[in-house]
Amino acid sequence: MARVKICGITNLEDALYAIECGADALGFVFYEKSPRYIAPLQAKRIIDELPPFVERVGLFVDETAETINAVSKEAGISLAQVHFDAGEALLDAIDLKTLPVIRAKCKEDLDRYPNRYRLVDVYSDAFGGTGSRLDLSWFQNLDCSKMILAGGLTPENLEEAKGFGFYGVDVSSGVEAAKGKKDFNKVARFIANAKCI
């Protein structure tokens, strides 16, 4: 049963509905160039209303450990998603648990961060939320138990990820009505389908 992260949360209504449907984690984008960007204080207002046992993930692009630590503390983030090429030293300098992201251009990229839980997304200059998909054949015969699959997932194509043993799946644009606003029907179907893979 895959864990589910609903990313690009910008409002309390979407956050609470995703949790009600069974989401394990919510993602807040602290990258100002993203259409799903949320200010730390705004994220905190949402996070303060969440029930316990929900992972609160902050997505960061090209930031220092100091900035990641400060924003995470201000917003109430529990996990830092490091969505850029980060060395072990930077990851170790972050005060909270980290989730490095592999922005994969080829199968060989999947060998990065072998001892860490990591999120695997398709390479894009926009740093996610593009709807582009990874080639699932790259994952054949790999241990995917510490990998979270992202990139172009929808309620309809999740079935294709079955059998690989991914730790979790991550979705943003695939469950949206508009950028930054979730489609409740898609969210419910995505989570229900993900719990079956």
C-alpha atoms as a PDB file:
ATOM      1  CA  MET A   1       0.000   0.000   0.000  1.00  0.00           C
ATOM      2  CA  ALA A   2       1.696   3.198  -1.162  1.00  0.00           C
ATOM      3  CA  ARG A   3       1.798   6.312   0.989  1.00  0.00           C
ATOM      4  CA  VAL A   4       0.335   9.403  -0.646  1.00  0.00           C
ATOM      5  CA  LYS A   5       1.513  12.985  -0.693  1.00  0.00           C
ATOM      6  CA  ILE A   6      -0.737  15.675  -2.137  1.00  0.00           C
ATOM      7  CA  CYS A   7       1.553  18.550  -3.121  1.00  0.00           C
ATOM      8  CA  GLY A   8       0.939  22.179  -3.986  1.00  0.00           C
ATOM      9  CA  ILE A   9      -1.482  22.862  -1.117  1.00  0.00           C
ATOM     10  CA  THR A  10      -2.478  26.547  -1.013  1.00  0.00           C
ATOM     11  CA  ASN A  11      -5.652  26.568   1.106  1.00  0.00           C
ATOM     12  CA  LEU A  12      -7.157  24.890   4.169  1.00  0.00           C
ATOM     13  CA  GLU A  13     -10.155  23.425   2.349  1.00  0.00           C
ATOM     14  CA  ASP A  14      -7.942  21.401  -0.014  1.00  0.00           C
ATOM     15  CA  ALA A  15      -5.686  20.331   2.857  1.00  0.00           C
ATOM     16  CA  LEU A  16      -8.490  19.022   5.050  1.00  0.00           C
ATOM     17  CA  TYR A  17     -10.224  17.234   2.176  1.00  0.00           C
ATOM     18  CA  ALA A  18      -7.010  15.456   1.162  1.00  0.00           C
ATOM     19  CA  ILE A  19      -6.508  14.255   4.744  1.00  0.00           C
ATOM     20  CA  GLU A  20     -10.146  13.158   5.000  1.00  0.00           C
ATOM     21  CA  CYS A  21      -9.568  11.029   1.878  1.00  0.00           C
ATOM     22  CA  GLY A  22      -6.512   9.396   3.447  1.00  0.00           C
ATOM     23  CA  ALA A  23      -3.495  11.467   2.371  1.00  0.00           C
ATOM     24  CA  ASP A  24      -0.418  10.718   4.478  1.00  0.00           C
ATOM     25  CA  ALA A  25       1.398  13.963   3.671  1.00  0.00           C
ATOM     26  CA  LEU A  26       0.707  17.448   2.345  1.00  0.00           C
ATOM     27  CA  GLY A  27       3.220  19.470   0.340  1.00  0.00           C
ATOM     28  CA  PHE A  28       3.748  23.238   0.580  1.00  0.00           C
ATOM     29  CA  VAL A  29       5.788  24.898  -2.162  1.00  0.00           C
ATOM     30  CA  PHE A  30       8.215  27.559  -0.924  1.00  0.00           C
ATOM     31  CA  TYR A  31       9.562  28.307  -4.412  1.00  0.00           C
ATOM     32  CA  GLU A  32       8.448  31.782  -5.431  1.00  0.00           C
ATOM     33  CA  LYS A  33       8.493  31.095  -9.188  1.00  0.00           C
ATOM     34  CA  SER A  34       5.906  28.334  -8.814  1.00  0.00           C
ATOM     35  CA  PRO A  35       2.201  29.051  -9.443  1.00  0.00           C
ATOM     36  CA  ARG A  36       1.619  26.963  -6.306  1.00  0.00           C
ATOM     37  CA  TYR A  37       3.899  29.086  -4.102  1.00  0.00           C
ATOM     38  CA  ILE A  38       2.708  29.732  -0.574  1.00  0.00           C
ATOM     39  CA  ALA A  39       4.245  32.142   1.934  1.00  0.00           C
ATOM     40  CA  PRO A  40       5.520  30.498   5.146  1.00  0.00           C
ATOM     41  CA  LEU A  41       3.073  32.385   7.350  1.00  0.00           C
ATOM     42  CA  GLN A  42       0.154  31.391   5.125  1.00  0.00           C
ATOM     43  CA  ALA A  43       1.316  27.757   5.262  1.00  0.00           C
ATOM     44  CA  LYS A  44       1.515  27.991   9.062  1.00  0.00           C
ATOM     45  CA  ARG A  45      -2.115  29.117   9.245  1.00  0.00           C
ATOM     46  CA  ILE A  46      -3.126  25.963   7.357  1.00  0.00           C
ATOM     47  CA  ILE A  47      -0.752  23.681   9.273  1.00  0.00           C
ATOM     48  CA  ASP A  48      -2.017  24.944  12.627  1.00  0.00           C
ATOM     49  CA  GLU A  49      -5.489  23.626  11.699  1.00  0.00           C
ATOM     50  CA  LEU A  50      -4.347  20.145  10.659  1.00  0.00           C
ATOM     51  CA  PRO A  51      -4.995  17.032  12.751  1.00  0.00           C
ATOM     52  CA  PRO A  52      -2.006  15.128  14.203  1.00  0.00           C
ATOM     53  CA  PHE A  53      -0.050  12.411  12.361  1.00  0.00           C
ATOM     54  CA  VAL A  54       0.003  14.222   9.013  1.00  0.00           C
ATOM     55  CA  GLU A  55       3.448  14.815   7.493  1.00  0.00           C
ATOM     56  CA  ARG A  56       3.915  18.485   6.568  1.00  0.00           C
ATOM     57  CA  VAL A  57       6.379  18.722   3.694  1.00  0.00           C
ATOM     58  CA  GLY A  58       8.084  21.918   2.581  1.00  0.00           C
ATOM     59  CA  LEU A  59       9.400  21.995  -0.991  1.00  0.00           C
ATOM     60  CA  PHE A  60      12.570  24.061  -1.457  1.00  0.00           C
ATOM     61  CA  VAL A  61      14.544  25.016  -4.570  1.00  0.00           C
ATOM     62  CA  ASP A  62      18.106  26.403  -4.512  1.00  0.00           C
ATOM     63  CA  GLU A  63      18.052  27.452  -0.868  1.00  0.00           C
ATOM     64  CA  THR A  64      20.689  27.296   1.854  1.00  0.00           C
ATOM     65  CA  ALA A  65      20.318  25.052   4.876  1.00  0.00           C
ATOM     66  CA  GLU A  66      19.871  28.189   6.994  1.00  0.00           C
ATOM     67  CA  THR A  67      16.919  29.367   4.902  1.00  0.00           C
ATOM     68  CA  ILE A  68      15.339  25.914   4.856  1.00  0.00           C
ATOM     69  CA  ASN A  69      15.683  25.680   8.641  1.00  0.00           C
ATOM     70  CA  ALA A  70      14.208  29.148   9.209  1.00  0.00           C
ATOM     71  CA  VAL A  71      11.239  28.724   6.849  1.00  0.00           C
ATOM     72  CA  SER A  72      10.496  25.221   8.148  1.00  0.00           C
ATOM     73  CA  LYS A  73      10.448  26.459  11.721  1.00  0.00           C
ATOM     74  CA  GLU A  74       8.253  29.445  10.869  1.00  0.00           C
ATOM     75  CA  ALA A  75       5.724  27.365   8.922  1.00  0.00           C
ATOM     76  CA  GLY A  76       5.668  24.246  11.111  1.00  0.00           C
ATOM     77  CA  ILE A  77       7.113  21.927   8.462  1.00  0.00           C
ATOM     78  CA  SER A  78       8.072  18.383   9.540  1.00  0.00           C
ATOM     79  CA  LEU A  79      10.010  17.264   6.420  1.00  0.00           C
ATOM     80  CA  ALA A  80      12.132  19.261   3.961  1.00  0.00           C
ATOM     81  CA  GLN A  81      11.836  18.196   0.316  1.00  0.00           C
ATOM     82  CA  VAL A  82      15.082  19.344  -1.301  1.00  0.00           C
ATOM     83  CA  HIS A  83      14.140  19.788  -4.945  1.00  0.00           C
ATOM     84  CA  PHE A  84      17.601  20.573  -6.319  1.00  0.00           C
ATOM     85  CA  ASP A  85      20.977  18.861  -6.555  1.00  0.00           C
ATOM     86  CA  ALA A  86      22.058  18.797  -2.923  1.00  0.00           C
ATOM     87  CA  GLY A  87      25.159  17.178  -1.494  1.00  0.00           C
ATOM     88  CA  GLU A  88      25.194  15.139   1.691  1.00  0.00           C
ATOM     89  CA  ALA A  89      26.746  18.061   3.603  1.00  0.00           C
ATOM     90  CA  LEU A  90      23.777  20.316   2.828  1.00  0.00           C
ATOM     91  CA  LEU A  91      21.257  17.598   3.684  1.00  0.00           C
ATOM     92  CA  ASP A  92      23.047  16.969   6.988  1.00  0.00           C
ATOM     93  CA  ALA A  93      23.001  20.705   7.823  1.00  0.00           C
ATOM     94  CA  ILE A  94      19.197  20.801   7.709  1.00  0.00           C
ATOM     95  CA  ASP A  95      17.665  20.535  11.178  1.00  0.00           C
ATOM     96  CA  LEU A  96      14.756  18.317  10.215  1.00  0.00           C
ATOM     97  CA  LYS A  97      14.286  15.141   8.240  1.00  0.00           C
ATOM     98  CA  THR A  98      15.036  15.612   4.535  1.00  0.00           C
ATOM     99  CA  LEU A  99      13.697  14.112   1.336  1.00  0.00           C
ATOM    100  CA  PRO A 100      16.145  14.650  -1.522  1.00  0.00           C
ATOM    101  CA  VAL A 101      14.674  14.778  -5.016  1.00  0.00           C
ATOM    102  CA  ILE A 102      16.157  13.067  -8.049  1.00  0.00           C
ATOM    103  CA  ARG A 103      15.179  15.032 -11.154  1.00  0.00           C
ATOM    104  CA  ALA A 104      15.790  12.113 -13.488  1.00  0.00           C
ATOM    105  CA  LYS A 105      16.976  12.580 -17.066  1.00  0.00           C
ATOM    106  CA  CYS A 106      18.036   8.945 -17.497  1.00  0.00           C
ATOM    107  CA  LYS A 107      17.908   5.595 -15.706  1.00  0.00           C
ATOM    108  CA  GLU A 108      21.393   6.090 -14.222  1.00  0.00           C
ATOM    109  CA  ASP A 109      20.134   9.079 -12.226  1.00  0.00           C
ATOM    110  CA  LEU A 110      18.099   6.669 -10.091  1.00  0.00           C
ATOM    111  CA  ASP A 111      21.338   5.509  -8.417  1.00  0.00           C
ATOM    112  CA  ARG A 112      21.652   8.803  -6.489  1.00  0.00           C
ATOM    113  CA  TYR A 113      21.053   8.881  -2.704  1.00  0.00           C
ATOM    114  CA  PRO A 114      20.942   5.055  -2.524  1.00  0.00           C
ATOM    115  CA  ASN A 115      20.747   4.950   1.281  1.00  0.00           C
ATOM    116  CA  ARG A 116      18.081   7.622   1.705  1.00  0.00           C
ATOM    117  CA  TYR A 117      14.376   7.806   1.113  1.00  0.00           C
ATOM    118  CA  ARG A 118      14.111   9.954  -2.019  1.00  0.00           C
ATOM    119  CA  LEU A 119      11.521  11.348  -4.361  1.00  0.00           C
ATOM    120  CA  VAL A 120      11.994  10.639  -8.063  1.00  0.00           C
ATOM    121  CA  ASP A 121      10.565  13.206 -10.467  1.00  0.00           C
ATOM    122  CA  VAL A 122      11.024  13.822 -14.161  1.00  0.00           C
ATOM    123  CA  TYR A 123      13.619  16.475 -15.000  1.00  0.00           C
ATOM    124  CA  SER A 124      12.107  19.889 -15.701  1.00  0.00           C
ATOM    125  CA  ASP A 125      13.306  23.479 -15.504  1.00  0.00           C
ATOM    126  CA  ALA A 126      10.058  24.276 -13.671  1.00  0.00           C
ATOM    127  CA  PHE A 127      10.939  21.985 -10.719  1.00  0.00           C
ATOM    128  CA  GLY A 128       7.770  19.873 -10.757  1.00  0.00           C
ATOM    129  CA  GLY A 129       4.065  20.359 -11.346  1.00  0.00           C
ATOM    130  CA  THR A 130       4.440  20.050 -15.116  1.00  0.00           C
ATOM    131  CA  GLY A 131       2.469  16.844 -15.651  1.00  0.00           C
ATOM    132  CA  SER A 132       5.442  15.221 -17.443  1.00  0.00           C
ATOM    133  CA  ARG A 133       5.946  11.512 -16.786  1.00  0.00           C
ATOM    134  CA  LEU A 134       8.872   9.235 -16.025  1.00  0.00           C
ATOM    135  CA  ASP A 135       9.629   6.108 -18.015  1.00  0.00           C
ATOM    136  CA  LEU A 136       8.558   3.358 -15.626  1.00  0.00           C
ATOM    137  CA  SER A 137      10.745   0.807 -17.439  1.00  0.00           C
ATOM    138  CA  TRP A 138      13.712   2.494 -15.721  1.00  0.00           C
ATOM    139  CA  PHE A 139      12.506   1.027 -12.419  1.00  0.00           C
ATOM    140  CA  GLN A 140      12.424  -2.607 -13.579  1.00  0.00           C
ATOM    141  CA  ASN A 141      14.492  -4.837 -11.267  1.00  0.00           C
ATOM    142  CA  LEU A 142      15.293  -1.948  -8.896  1.00  0.00           C
ATOM    143  CA  ASP A 143      14.575  -1.849  -5.168  1.00  0.00           C
ATOM    144  CA  CYS A 144      11.933   0.907  -5.060  1.00  0.00           C
ATOM    145  CA  SER A 145      11.100   0.512  -1.374  1.00  0.00           C
ATOM    146  CA  LYS A 146      12.728   3.869  -0.493  1.00  0.00           C
ATOM    147  CA  MET A 147      11.482   5.697  -3.583  1.00  0.00           C
ATOM    148  CA  ILE A 148       8.512   8.034  -3.865  1.00  0.00           C
ATOM    149  CA  LEU A 149       7.284   8.281  -7.438  1.00  0.00           C
ATOM    150  CA  ALA A 150       6.289  11.679  -8.823  1.00  0.00           C
ATOM    151  CA  GLY A 151       5.819  13.214 -12.240  1.00  0.00           C
ATOM    152  CA  GLY A 152       2.662  13.186 -14.317  1.00  0.00           C
ATOM    153  CA  LEU A 153       0.657  10.863 -12.084  1.00  0.00           C
ATOM    154  CA  THR A 154      -3.141  10.923 -12.323  1.00  0.00           C
ATOM    155  CA  PRO A 155      -5.960   8.796 -10.900  1.00  0.00           C
ATOM    156  CA  GLU A 156      -6.120   7.093 -14.317  1.00  0.00           C
ATOM    157  CA  ASN A 157      -2.464   6.093 -14.785  1.00  0.00           C
ATOM    158  CA  LEU A 158      -1.553   5.090 -11.212  1.00  0.00           C
ATOM    159  CA  GLU A 159      -2.334   1.475 -12.051  1.00  0.00           C
ATOM    160  CA  GLU A 160       0.842   1.406 -14.192  1.00  0.00           C
ATOM    161  CA  ALA A 161       2.968   1.891 -11.048  1.00  0.00           C
ATOM    162  CA  LYS A 162       1.582  -1.284  -9.481  1.00  0.00           C
ATOM    163  CA  GLY A 163       4.059  -4.024  -8.674  1.00  0.00           C
ATOM    164  CA  PHE A 164       7.198  -1.874  -8.379  1.00  0.00           C
ATOM    165  CA  GLY A 165       6.937  -1.550  -4.605  1.00  0.00           C
ATOM    166  CA  PHE A 166       7.286   2.221  -4.381  1.00  0.00           C
ATOM    167  CA  TYR A 167       7.244   3.564  -0.823  1.00  0.00           C
ATOM    168  CA  GLY A 168       4.850   6.280  -1.947  1.00  0.00           C
ATOM    169  CA  VAL A 169       3.464   8.462  -4.705  1.00  0.00           C
ATOM    170  CA  ASP A 170       3.338  12.244  -5.002  1.00  0.00           C
ATOM    171  CA  VAL A 171       0.873  14.266  -7.064  1.00  0.00           C
ATOM    172  CA  SER A 172       0.266  17.940  -7.716  1.00  0.00           C
ATOM    173  CA  SER A 173      -1.020  18.938 -11.164  1.00  0.00           C
ATOM    174  CA  GLY A 174      -2.695  15.538 -11.703  1.00  0.00           C
ATOM    175  CA  VAL A 175      -5.414  16.331  -9.147  1.00  0.00           C
ATOM    176  CA  GLU A 176      -5.962  20.024  -9.855  1.00  0.00           C
ATOM    177  CA  ALA A 177      -8.959  21.955 -11.118  1.00  0.00           C
ATOM    178  CA  ALA A 178      -6.605  24.917 -11.700  1.00  0.00           C
ATOM    179  CA  LYS A 179      -3.032  25.638 -10.626  1.00  0.00           C
ATOM    180  CA  GLY A 180      -3.032  25.741  -6.838  1.00  0.00           C
ATOM    181  CA  LYS A 181      -6.665  24.537  -6.506  1.00  0.00           C
ATOM    182  CA  LYS A 182      -7.496  20.868  -6.112  1.00  0.00           C
ATOM    183  CA  ASP A 183     -10.295  18.957  -7.829  1.00  0.00           C
ATOM    184  CA  PHE A 184     -11.966  17.029  -4.988  1.00  0.00           C
ATOM    185  CA  ASN A 185     -13.136  14.191  -7.219  1.00  0.00           C
ATOM    186  CA  LYS A 186      -9.610  13.658  -8.585  1.00  0.00           C
ATOM    187  CA  VAL A 187      -8.071  13.844  -5.108  1.00  0.00           C
ATOM    188  CA  ALA A 188     -10.452  11.187  -3.766  1.00  0.00           C
ATOM    189  CA  ARG A 189      -9.911   8.865  -6.744  1.00  0.00           C
ATOM    190  CA  PHE A 190      -6.138   9.320  -6.717  1.00  0.00           C
ATOM    191  CA  ILE A 191      -5.806   8.450  -3.028  1.00  0.00           C
ATOM    192  CA  ALA A 192      -8.164   5.473  -3.282  1.00  0.00           C
ATOM    193  CA  ASN A 193      -6.244   4.120  -6.292  1.00  0.00           C
ATOM    194  CA  ALA A 194      -2.847   4.743  -4.677  1.00  0.00           C
ATOM    195  CA  LYS A 195      -3.799   2.698  -1.625  1.00  0.00           C
ATOM    196  CA  CYS A 196      -4.237  -0.283  -3.954  1.00  0.00           C
ATOM    197  CA  ILE A 197      -0.768  -0.239  -5.521  1.00  0.00           C
END
